Amino acid sequence: MPGSLRKSSIAIVILMKGICLMGQVDYSWWNEKHNWDGVSNWTDYLIITPAYMGPNALPVPDLTDGILATNTS
């Protein structure tokens, strides 16, 4: 039993080391593609308009019997 526990713990430690190494992702490709200055927030580079977000970007009000409710915004 102690031998299998030791093997299991060694395997877990090796697996966790691998996961930590994979977490060090380099996003320099994004910086180069969008000419990021290193200071401004990355959300300033997002285009938030319905034309770029797909068919479900615009809200569609619920219709009940073909009549819009008065409390829709």
N, C-alpha and C. Protein backbone atom coordinates (compact mmCIF):
# COMPACT_ATOMS: atom_id res chain seq x y z
N MET A 1 0.81 -1.20 0.00
CA MET A 1 0.00 0.00 0.00
C MET A 1 0.85 1.26 0.00
N PRO A 2 1.86 1.39 0.86
CA PRO A 2 2.66 2.62 0.85
C PRO A 2 3.37 2.85 -0.48
N GLY A 3 3.77 1.78 -1.17
CA GLY A 3 4.46 1.94 -2.45
C GLY A 3 3.54 2.53 -3.51
N SER A 4 2.28 2.08 -3.54
CA SER A 4 1.34 2.60 -4.53
C SER A 4 0.96 4.04 -4.20
N LEU A 5 0.90 4.36 -2.91
CA LEU A 5 0.61 5.73 -2.51
C LEU A 5 1.74 6.66 -2.93
N ARG A 6 2.95 6.20 -2.79
CA ARG A 6 4.11 7.00 -3.19
C ARG A 6 4.11 7.21 -4.71
N LYS A 7 3.82 6.15 -5.47
CA LYS A 7 3.77 6.27 -6.93
C LYS A 7 2.66 7.23 -7.35
N SER A 8 1.53 7.15 -6.66
CA SER A 8 0.41 8.04 -6.99
C SER A 8 0.77 9.49 -6.72
N SER A 9 1.40 9.73 -5.58
CA SER A 9 1.75 11.11 -5.25
C SER A 9 2.81 11.66 -6.19
N ILE A 10 3.75 10.83 -6.61
CA ILE A 10 4.76 11.27 -7.58
C ILE A 10 4.09 11.60 -8.91
N ALA A 11 3.14 10.77 -9.33
CA ALA A 11 2.42 11.02 -10.58
C ALA A 11 1.63 12.32 -10.50
N ILE A 12 1.01 12.57 -9.37
CA ILE A 12 0.23 13.80 -9.20
C ILE A 12 1.14 15.03 -9.23
N VAL A 13 2.29 14.94 -8.59
CA VAL A 13 3.23 16.07 -8.59
C VAL A 13 3.73 16.34 -10.00
N ILE A 14 4.06 15.31 -10.75
CA ILE A 14 4.52 15.48 -12.13
C ILE A 14 3.41 16.09 -12.98
N LEU A 15 2.18 15.63 -12.80
CA LEU A 15 1.05 16.17 -13.55
C LEU A 15 0.84 17.64 -13.23
N MET A 16 0.93 18.00 -11.96
CA MET A 16 0.73 19.40 -11.57
C MET A 16 1.84 20.30 -12.10
N LYS A 17 3.05 19.80 -12.14
CA LYS A 17 4.16 20.58 -12.72
C LYS A 17 3.89 20.85 -14.19
N GLY A 18 3.40 19.82 -14.90
CA GLY A 18 3.09 19.99 -16.32
C GLY A 18 1.99 21.00 -16.55
N ILE A 19 0.97 20.98 -15.69
CA ILE A 19 -0.12 21.94 -15.82
C ILE A 19 0.38 23.36 -15.56
N CYS A 20 1.25 23.52 -14.58
CA CYS A 20 1.81 24.85 -14.29
C CYS A 20 2.63 25.37 -15.47
N LEU A 21 3.37 24.50 -16.11
CA LEU A 21 4.17 24.93 -17.26
C LEU A 21 3.28 25.31 -18.43
N MET A 22 2.15 24.63 -18.60
CA MET A 22 1.24 24.95 -19.69
C MET A 22 0.52 26.26 -19.44
N GLY A 23 0.42 26.71 -18.19
CA GLY A 23 -0.27 27.95 -17.87
C GLY A 23 0.53 29.19 -18.22
N GLN A 24 1.77 29.05 -18.59
CA GLN A 24 2.62 30.18 -18.92
C GLN A 24 2.50 30.51 -20.41
N VAL A 25 1.32 30.87 -20.85
CA VAL A 25 1.06 31.12 -22.27
C VAL A 25 1.61 32.50 -22.65
N ASP A 26 2.20 32.58 -23.81
CA ASP A 26 2.77 33.83 -24.30
C ASP A 26 1.79 34.48 -25.27
N TYR A 27 1.28 35.64 -24.92
CA TYR A 27 0.32 36.34 -25.77
C TYR A 27 0.98 37.45 -26.58
N SER A 28 2.25 37.34 -26.87
CA SER A 28 2.92 38.38 -27.65
C SER A 28 2.39 38.44 -29.07
N TRP A 29 1.84 37.32 -29.58
CA TRP A 29 1.27 37.34 -30.94
C TRP A 29 0.10 38.32 -31.00
N TRP A 30 -0.70 38.39 -29.92
CA TRP A 30 -1.83 39.31 -29.90
C TRP A 30 -1.33 40.74 -29.85
N ASN A 31 -0.30 40.99 -29.06
CA ASN A 31 0.27 42.33 -28.95
C ASN A 31 0.78 42.83 -30.29
N GLU A 32 1.44 41.96 -31.03
CA GLU A 32 1.98 42.35 -32.33
C GLU A 32 0.88 42.55 -33.36
N LYS A 33 -0.13 41.68 -33.35
CA LYS A 33 -1.20 41.76 -34.34
C LYS A 33 -2.02 43.04 -34.18
N HIS A 34 -2.25 43.48 -32.94
CA HIS A 34 -3.11 44.63 -32.69
C HIS A 34 -2.33 45.89 -32.32
N ASN A 35 -1.01 45.85 -32.43
CA ASN A 35 -0.16 47.00 -32.12
C ASN A 35 -0.45 47.56 -30.72
N TRP A 36 -0.47 46.67 -29.74
CA TRP A 36 -0.75 47.08 -28.37
C TRP A 36 0.41 47.88 -27.81
N ASP A 37 0.10 49.00 -27.17
CA ASP A 37 1.14 49.87 -26.64
C ASP A 37 1.66 49.43 -25.27
N GLY A 38 1.06 48.43 -24.67
CA GLY A 38 1.50 47.93 -23.38
C GLY A 38 0.89 48.65 -22.20
N VAL A 39 0.09 49.68 -22.45
CA VAL A 39 -0.47 50.47 -21.37
C VAL A 39 -1.99 50.40 -21.36
N SER A 40 -2.62 50.60 -22.51
CA SER A 40 -4.08 50.65 -22.55
C SER A 40 -4.69 49.28 -22.30
N ASN A 41 -5.92 49.29 -21.82
CA ASN A 41 -6.62 48.06 -21.49
C ASN A 41 -6.97 47.30 -22.77
N TRP A 42 -6.94 45.97 -22.71
CA TRP A 42 -7.21 45.17 -23.90
C TRP A 42 -8.66 45.29 -24.35
N THR A 43 -9.58 45.70 -23.46
CA THR A 43 -10.97 45.85 -23.87
C THR A 43 -11.17 47.02 -24.82
N ASP A 44 -10.21 47.95 -24.86
CA ASP A 44 -10.30 49.05 -25.82
C ASP A 44 -10.14 48.57 -27.25
N TYR A 45 -9.62 47.38 -27.45
CA TYR A 45 -9.39 46.85 -28.78
C TYR A 45 -10.54 45.98 -29.28
N LEU A 46 -11.55 45.76 -28.46
CA LEU A 46 -12.70 44.95 -28.87
C LEU A 46 -13.69 45.79 -29.66
N ILE A 47 -14.26 45.21 -30.69
CA ILE A 47 -15.30 45.87 -31.47
C ILE A 47 -16.63 45.31 -30.99
N ILE A 48 -17.37 46.14 -30.24
CA ILE A 48 -18.63 45.67 -29.67
C ILE A 48 -19.77 46.33 -30.43
N THR A 49 -20.11 45.78 -31.57
CA THR A 49 -21.26 46.20 -32.35
C THR A 49 -21.95 44.94 -32.87
N PRO A 50 -23.25 44.99 -33.09
CA PRO A 50 -23.96 43.80 -33.54
C PRO A 50 -23.44 43.22 -34.85
N ALA A 51 -22.88 44.05 -35.70
CA ALA A 51 -22.38 43.56 -36.99
C ALA A 51 -21.24 42.56 -36.82
N TYR A 52 -20.48 42.68 -35.73
CA TYR A 52 -19.34 41.80 -35.50
C TYR A 52 -19.63 40.67 -34.51
N MET A 53 -20.86 40.61 -33.97
CA MET A 53 -21.15 39.65 -32.91
C MET A 53 -22.04 38.49 -33.34
N GLY A 54 -22.53 38.47 -34.54
CA GLY A 54 -23.31 37.33 -35.00
C GLY A 54 -24.81 37.58 -34.91
N PRO A 55 -25.58 36.56 -35.27
CA PRO A 55 -27.04 36.73 -35.39
C PRO A 55 -27.77 36.92 -34.06
N ASN A 56 -27.19 36.53 -32.94
CA ASN A 56 -27.88 36.63 -31.66
C ASN A 56 -27.47 37.86 -30.86
N ALA A 57 -26.90 38.85 -31.52
CA ALA A 57 -26.39 40.02 -30.80
C ALA A 57 -27.50 41.00 -30.43
N LEU A 58 -28.53 41.08 -31.23
CA LEU A 58 -29.60 42.03 -30.94
C LEU A 58 -30.66 41.38 -30.06
N PRO A 59 -31.11 42.07 -29.03
CA PRO A 59 -32.16 41.49 -28.19
C PRO A 59 -33.50 41.50 -28.91
N VAL A 60 -34.24 40.44 -28.77
CA VAL A 60 -35.56 40.33 -29.39
C VAL A 60 -36.58 40.26 -28.26
N PRO A 61 -37.54 41.19 -28.24
CA PRO A 61 -38.52 41.18 -27.15
C PRO A 61 -39.47 39.98 -27.27
N ASP A 62 -39.99 39.54 -26.12
CA ASP A 62 -40.97 38.46 -26.11
C ASP A 62 -42.30 38.99 -26.63
N LEU A 63 -42.90 38.24 -27.52
CA LEU A 63 -44.20 38.62 -28.07
C LEU A 63 -45.27 37.70 -27.49
N THR A 64 -46.34 38.30 -27.00
CA THR A 64 -47.48 37.54 -26.52
C THR A 64 -48.67 37.92 -27.37
N ASP A 65 -49.14 37.00 -28.15
CA ASP A 65 -50.27 37.23 -29.07
C ASP A 65 -49.97 38.35 -30.06
N GLY A 66 -48.73 38.54 -30.40
CA GLY A 66 -48.35 39.53 -31.40
C GLY A 66 -48.34 40.96 -30.89
N ILE A 67 -48.44 41.16 -29.57
CA ILE A 67 -48.48 42.50 -28.99
C ILE A 67 -47.29 42.64 -28.05
N LEU A 68 -46.56 43.74 -28.18
CA LEU A 68 -45.44 44.00 -27.28
C LEU A 68 -45.95 44.43 -25.91
N ALA A 69 -45.31 43.96 -24.88
CA ALA A 69 -45.67 44.39 -23.52
C ALA A 69 -45.23 45.83 -23.32
N THR A 70 -45.85 46.51 -22.41
CA THR A 70 -45.53 47.93 -22.19
C THR A 70 -44.24 48.12 -21.40
N ASN A 71 -43.75 47.08 -20.70
CA ASN A 71 -42.56 47.24 -19.88
C ASN A 71 -41.29 46.76 -20.57
N THR A 72 -41.29 46.62 -21.88
CA THR A 72 -40.07 46.21 -22.58
C THR A 72 -39.16 47.41 -22.76
N SER A 73 -37.88 47.15 -22.78
CA SER A 73 -36.93 48.25 -22.97
C SER A 73 -36.10 48.00 -24.19
